[in-house]
Amino acid sequence: SMDVERSSSTSPSAFRIATGSKDKSVAVTSVTGTTKVSVTWRGTYHTKTVKSVSFSHKNRTIIGAASDDGTVSISDFRTPEGQSKPSIELADAHDKPH
């Protein structure tokens, strides 16, 4: 899953990309121009595939993610990676796939 947002009002070629993966992680990658790409944050708190991610429309440092582990997490990606527990976790928000 993926969501994209412009990360700067001054640079039309600056973007942030939020992704979820089979490796159970959520990541935010910064893209500037055509050559500068860097992973700026990674959350590794889900226990199964992350199926959906989205930036908050009200606070662009907040990212929501839903996983096959049945949880929905809400995280602030300004939090250092080593402390990347979700700000809010809704356990058993959905039925887990069989």
N, C-alpha and C. Protein backbone atom coordinates (compact mmCIF):
# COMPACT_ATOMS: atom_id res chain seq x y z
N SER A 1 0.84 -1.17 0.00
CA SER A 1 0.00 0.00 0.00
C SER A 1 0.89 1.23 0.00
N MET A 2 0.35 2.36 -0.49
CA MET A 2 1.16 3.55 -0.63
C MET A 2 0.29 4.80 -0.58
N ASP A 3 0.86 5.89 -0.05
CA ASP A 3 0.23 7.21 -0.08
C ASP A 3 1.34 8.21 -0.37
N VAL A 4 1.04 9.27 -1.13
CA VAL A 4 2.03 10.26 -1.53
C VAL A 4 1.52 11.65 -1.16
N GLU A 5 2.44 12.51 -0.70
CA GLU A 5 2.10 13.90 -0.42
C GLU A 5 3.27 14.79 -0.79
N ARG A 6 2.97 16.03 -1.16
CA ARG A 6 4.04 17.01 -1.36
C ARG A 6 4.58 17.38 0.01
N SER A 7 5.88 17.41 0.15
CA SER A 7 6.46 17.69 1.46
C SER A 7 6.93 19.13 1.60
N SER A 8 6.83 19.91 0.53
CA SER A 8 7.28 21.29 0.61
C SER A 8 6.45 22.16 -0.32
N SER A 9 6.03 23.29 0.19
CA SER A 9 5.29 24.21 -0.67
C SER A 9 6.23 25.01 -1.57
N THR A 10 7.52 25.01 -1.24
CA THR A 10 8.49 25.77 -2.03
C THR A 10 9.14 24.95 -3.13
N SER A 11 9.08 23.64 -3.03
CA SER A 11 9.70 22.79 -4.05
C SER A 11 8.67 21.84 -4.63
N PRO A 12 8.25 22.06 -5.88
CA PRO A 12 7.23 21.18 -6.46
C PRO A 12 7.70 19.75 -6.69
N SER A 13 9.02 19.51 -6.56
CA SER A 13 9.52 18.14 -6.79
C SER A 13 9.88 17.44 -5.49
N ALA A 14 9.43 17.95 -4.34
CA ALA A 14 9.70 17.31 -3.04
C ALA A 14 8.45 16.57 -2.58
N PHE A 15 8.60 15.27 -2.33
CA PHE A 15 7.48 14.42 -1.93
C PHE A 15 7.86 13.54 -0.76
N ARG A 16 6.84 13.09 -0.03
CA ARG A 16 6.98 12.01 0.95
C ARG A 16 6.10 10.88 0.48
N ILE A 17 6.61 9.68 0.58
CA ILE A 17 5.85 8.49 0.19
C ILE A 17 5.75 7.58 1.42
N ALA A 18 4.54 7.24 1.80
CA ALA A 18 4.31 6.30 2.90
C ALA A 18 3.99 4.95 2.29
N THR A 19 4.65 3.91 2.79
CA THR A 19 4.43 2.57 2.25
C THR A 19 4.24 1.56 3.38
N GLY A 20 3.48 0.53 3.08
CA GLY A 20 3.32 -0.62 3.96
C GLY A 20 3.75 -1.85 3.18
N SER A 21 4.23 -2.88 3.89
CA SER A 21 4.86 -3.98 3.18
C SER A 21 4.58 -5.35 3.80
N LYS A 22 4.90 -6.39 3.00
CA LYS A 22 4.83 -7.77 3.50
C LYS A 22 5.85 -8.02 4.60
N ASP A 23 6.89 -7.17 4.67
CA ASP A 23 7.89 -7.35 5.73
C ASP A 23 7.40 -6.81 7.08
N LYS A 24 6.10 -6.41 7.14
CA LYS A 24 5.41 -5.98 8.36
C LYS A 24 5.77 -4.57 8.79
N SER A 25 6.43 -3.82 7.93
CA SER A 25 6.87 -2.48 8.30
C SER A 25 6.05 -1.39 7.61
N VAL A 26 6.13 -0.20 8.20
CA VAL A 26 5.58 1.03 7.64
C VAL A 26 6.78 1.94 7.45
N ALA A 27 6.89 2.60 6.29
CA ALA A 27 8.04 3.47 6.04
C ALA A 27 7.60 4.77 5.41
N VAL A 28 8.37 5.82 5.69
CA VAL A 28 8.20 7.11 5.03
C VAL A 28 9.51 7.40 4.30
N THR A 29 9.40 7.63 3.00
CA THR A 29 10.56 7.92 2.17
C THR A 29 10.43 9.32 1.61
N SER A 30 11.51 10.09 1.66
CA SER A 30 11.53 11.44 1.11
C SER A 30 12.17 11.41 -0.27
N VAL A 31 11.55 12.12 -1.20
CA VAL A 31 12.05 12.21 -2.57
C VAL A 31 12.19 13.69 -2.90
N THR A 32 13.40 14.08 -3.30
CA THR A 32 13.64 15.46 -3.70
C THR A 32 14.25 15.44 -5.08
N GLY A 33 13.56 16.07 -6.03
CA GLY A 33 14.05 16.04 -7.41
C GLY A 33 13.97 14.64 -7.97
N THR A 34 14.91 14.32 -8.84
CA THR A 34 14.90 13.00 -9.47
C THR A 34 15.99 12.08 -8.95
N THR A 35 16.87 12.60 -8.08
CA THR A 35 18.00 11.77 -7.66
C THR A 35 18.12 11.55 -6.16
N LYS A 36 17.51 12.37 -5.32
CA LYS A 36 17.68 12.23 -3.89
C LYS A 36 16.49 11.51 -3.27
N VAL A 37 16.72 10.26 -2.88
CA VAL A 37 15.69 9.42 -2.27
C VAL A 37 16.26 8.85 -0.97
N SER A 38 15.52 9.01 0.14
CA SER A 38 16.01 8.45 1.39
C SER A 38 14.84 8.05 2.28
N VAL A 39 14.99 6.88 2.93
CA VAL A 39 13.99 6.44 3.91
C VAL A 39 14.23 7.30 5.15
N THR A 40 13.21 8.03 5.57
CA THR A 40 13.37 8.95 6.70
C THR A 40 12.79 8.41 8.00
N TRP A 41 11.95 7.39 7.92
CA TRP A 41 11.34 6.81 9.12
C TRP A 41 10.85 5.42 8.79
N ARG A 42 10.93 4.53 9.78
CA ARG A 42 10.44 3.16 9.60
C ARG A 42 9.86 2.67 10.92
N GLY A 43 8.64 2.13 10.86
CA GLY A 43 7.99 1.54 12.02
C GLY A 43 7.89 0.04 11.83
N THR A 44 8.30 -0.72 12.84
CA THR A 44 8.33 -2.18 12.72
C THR A 44 7.54 -2.84 13.85
N TYR A 45 6.34 -2.36 14.10
CA TYR A 45 5.56 -2.85 15.23
C TYR A 45 4.42 -3.78 14.83
N HIS A 46 4.13 -3.94 13.55
CA HIS A 46 3.08 -4.87 13.15
C HIS A 46 3.66 -6.28 13.09
N THR A 47 2.79 -7.28 13.24
CA THR A 47 3.26 -8.67 13.24
C THR A 47 2.89 -9.42 11.96
N LYS A 48 2.14 -8.75 11.07
CA LYS A 48 1.80 -9.33 9.77
C LYS A 48 1.83 -8.24 8.71
N THR A 49 1.57 -8.60 7.46
CA THR A 49 1.62 -7.68 6.33
C THR A 49 0.81 -6.41 6.59
N VAL A 50 1.41 -5.25 6.26
CA VAL A 50 0.72 -3.97 6.35
C VAL A 50 0.01 -3.76 5.02
N LYS A 51 -1.31 -3.67 5.05
CA LYS A 51 -2.12 -3.61 3.83
C LYS A 51 -2.50 -2.21 3.40
N SER A 52 -2.52 -1.25 4.34
CA SER A 52 -2.99 0.09 3.99
C SER A 52 -2.25 1.13 4.82
N VAL A 53 -1.82 2.22 4.18
CA VAL A 53 -1.19 3.34 4.88
C VAL A 53 -1.75 4.65 4.34
N SER A 54 -1.77 5.68 5.18
CA SER A 54 -2.27 6.98 4.73
C SER A 54 -1.74 8.08 5.64
N PHE A 55 -1.34 9.20 5.03
CA PHE A 55 -0.99 10.39 5.79
C PHE A 55 -2.28 11.02 6.30
N SER A 56 -2.23 11.64 7.48
CA SER A 56 -3.35 12.41 7.99
C SER A 56 -3.50 13.67 7.14
N HIS A 57 -4.72 14.04 6.86
CA HIS A 57 -4.96 15.25 6.08
C HIS A 57 -4.89 16.51 6.95
N LYS A 58 -4.97 16.33 8.27
CA LYS A 58 -4.93 17.48 9.19
C LYS A 58 -3.54 17.71 9.76
N ASN A 59 -2.77 16.65 9.96
CA ASN A 59 -1.42 16.76 10.51
C ASN A 59 -0.53 15.85 9.69
N ARG A 60 0.26 16.41 8.81
CA ARG A 60 1.02 15.63 7.83
C ARG A 60 2.19 14.85 8.41
N THR A 61 2.40 14.90 9.74
CA THR A 61 3.43 14.04 10.34
C THR A 61 2.81 12.80 10.97
N ILE A 62 1.51 12.65 10.83
CA ILE A 62 0.79 11.50 11.37
C ILE A 62 0.48 10.54 10.23
N ILE A 63 0.73 9.26 10.49
CA ILE A 63 0.47 8.24 9.47
C ILE A 63 -0.36 7.12 10.11
N GLY A 64 -1.37 6.67 9.40
CA GLY A 64 -2.19 5.55 9.85
C GLY A 64 -1.85 4.33 9.03
N ALA A 65 -1.92 3.16 9.65
CA ALA A 65 -1.63 1.91 8.95
C ALA A 65 -2.54 0.80 9.46
N ALA A 66 -2.97 -0.07 8.54
CA ALA A 66 -3.78 -1.23 8.90
C ALA A 66 -3.06 -2.48 8.44
N SER A 67 -3.10 -3.51 9.28
CA SER A 67 -2.32 -4.71 9.03
C SER A 67 -3.19 -5.97 9.10
N ASP A 68 -2.69 -7.03 8.47
CA ASP A 68 -3.35 -8.33 8.56
C ASP A 68 -3.30 -8.90 9.98
N ASP A 69 -2.55 -8.27 10.89
CA ASP A 69 -2.55 -8.73 12.28
C ASP A 69 -3.79 -8.27 13.03
N GLY A 70 -4.68 -7.53 12.32
CA GLY A 70 -5.94 -7.10 12.91
C GLY A 70 -5.87 -5.75 13.60
N THR A 71 -4.70 -5.10 13.56
CA THR A 71 -4.58 -3.81 14.24
C THR A 71 -4.50 -2.66 13.25
N VAL A 72 -4.94 -1.51 13.74
CA VAL A 72 -4.79 -0.24 13.05
C VAL A 72 -3.89 0.59 13.95
N SER A 73 -2.83 1.18 13.38
CA SER A 73 -1.91 1.99 14.18
C SER A 73 -1.90 3.42 13.67
N ILE A 74 -1.68 4.34 14.58
CA ILE A 74 -1.53 5.75 14.23
C ILE A 74 -0.22 6.20 14.86
N SER A 75 0.69 6.71 14.02
CA SER A 75 2.03 7.06 14.48
C SER A 75 2.43 8.45 14.01
N ASP A 76 3.28 9.08 14.79
CA ASP A 76 3.89 10.35 14.40
C ASP A 76 5.29 10.01 13.90
N PHE A 77 5.56 10.22 12.62
CA PHE A 77 6.85 9.77 12.09
C PHE A 77 8.00 10.72 12.43
N ARG A 78 7.77 11.70 13.28
CA ARG A 78 8.88 12.50 13.83
C ARG A 78 9.53 11.75 14.99
N THR A 79 8.88 10.70 15.50
CA THR A 79 9.43 9.90 16.59
C THR A 79 10.66 9.15 16.09
N PRO A 80 11.76 9.14 16.85
CA PRO A 80 12.95 8.40 16.42
C PRO A 80 12.63 6.93 16.18
N GLU A 81 13.30 6.34 15.18
CA GLU A 81 13.02 4.95 14.79
C GLU A 81 13.10 3.96 15.93
N GLY A 82 14.06 4.09 16.80
CA GLY A 82 14.21 3.15 17.91
C GLY A 82 13.04 3.20 18.89
N GLN A 83 12.24 4.26 18.80
CA GLN A 83 11.09 4.43 19.69
C GLN A 83 9.81 4.45 18.88
N SER A 84 9.75 3.69 17.81
CA SER A 84 8.66 3.81 16.83
C SER A 84 7.40 3.03 17.18
N LYS A 85 7.07 2.94 18.47
CA LYS A 85 5.78 2.35 18.82
C LYS A 85 4.68 3.29 18.37
N PRO A 86 3.55 2.76 17.96
CA PRO A 86 2.47 3.64 17.52
C PRO A 86 1.94 4.50 18.66
N SER A 87 1.51 5.70 18.31
CA SER A 87 0.90 6.59 19.30
C SER A 87 -0.41 6.00 19.79
N ILE A 88 -1.15 5.41 18.86
CA ILE A 88 -2.43 4.77 19.16
C ILE A 88 -2.46 3.45 18.40
N GLU A 89 -2.90 2.40 19.06
CA GLU A 89 -3.06 1.11 18.39
C GLU A 89 -4.44 0.57 18.72
N LEU A 90 -5.20 0.27 17.70
CA LEU A 90 -6.53 -0.30 17.87
C LEU A 90 -6.42 -1.80 17.63
N ALA A 91 -6.26 -2.55 18.70
CA ALA A 91 -6.12 -4.00 18.60
C ALA A 91 -7.45 -4.63 18.21
N ASP A 92 -7.38 -5.65 17.39
CA ASP A 92 -8.56 -6.40 16.95
C ASP A 92 -9.61 -5.49 16.32
N ALA A 93 -9.15 -4.47 15.59
CA ALA A 93 -10.06 -3.54 14.93
C ALA A 93 -10.82 -4.24 13.79
N HIS A 94 -10.23 -5.29 13.25
CA HIS A 94 -10.84 -6.03 12.15
C HIS A 94 -10.59 -7.51 12.34
N ASP A 95 -11.41 -8.31 11.69
CA ASP A 95 -11.16 -9.74 11.70
C ASP A 95 -9.85 -10.03 11.01
N LYS A 96 -9.10 -10.96 11.55
CA LYS A 96 -7.84 -11.35 10.94
C LYS A 96 -8.13 -12.32 9.80
N PRO A 97 -7.41 -12.19 8.68
CA PRO A 97 -7.62 -13.14 7.57
C PRO A 97 -7.23 -14.55 8.00
N HIS A 98 -7.84 -15.51 7.39
CA HIS A 98 -7.53 -16.92 7.74
C HIS A 98 -6.37 -17.41 6.95
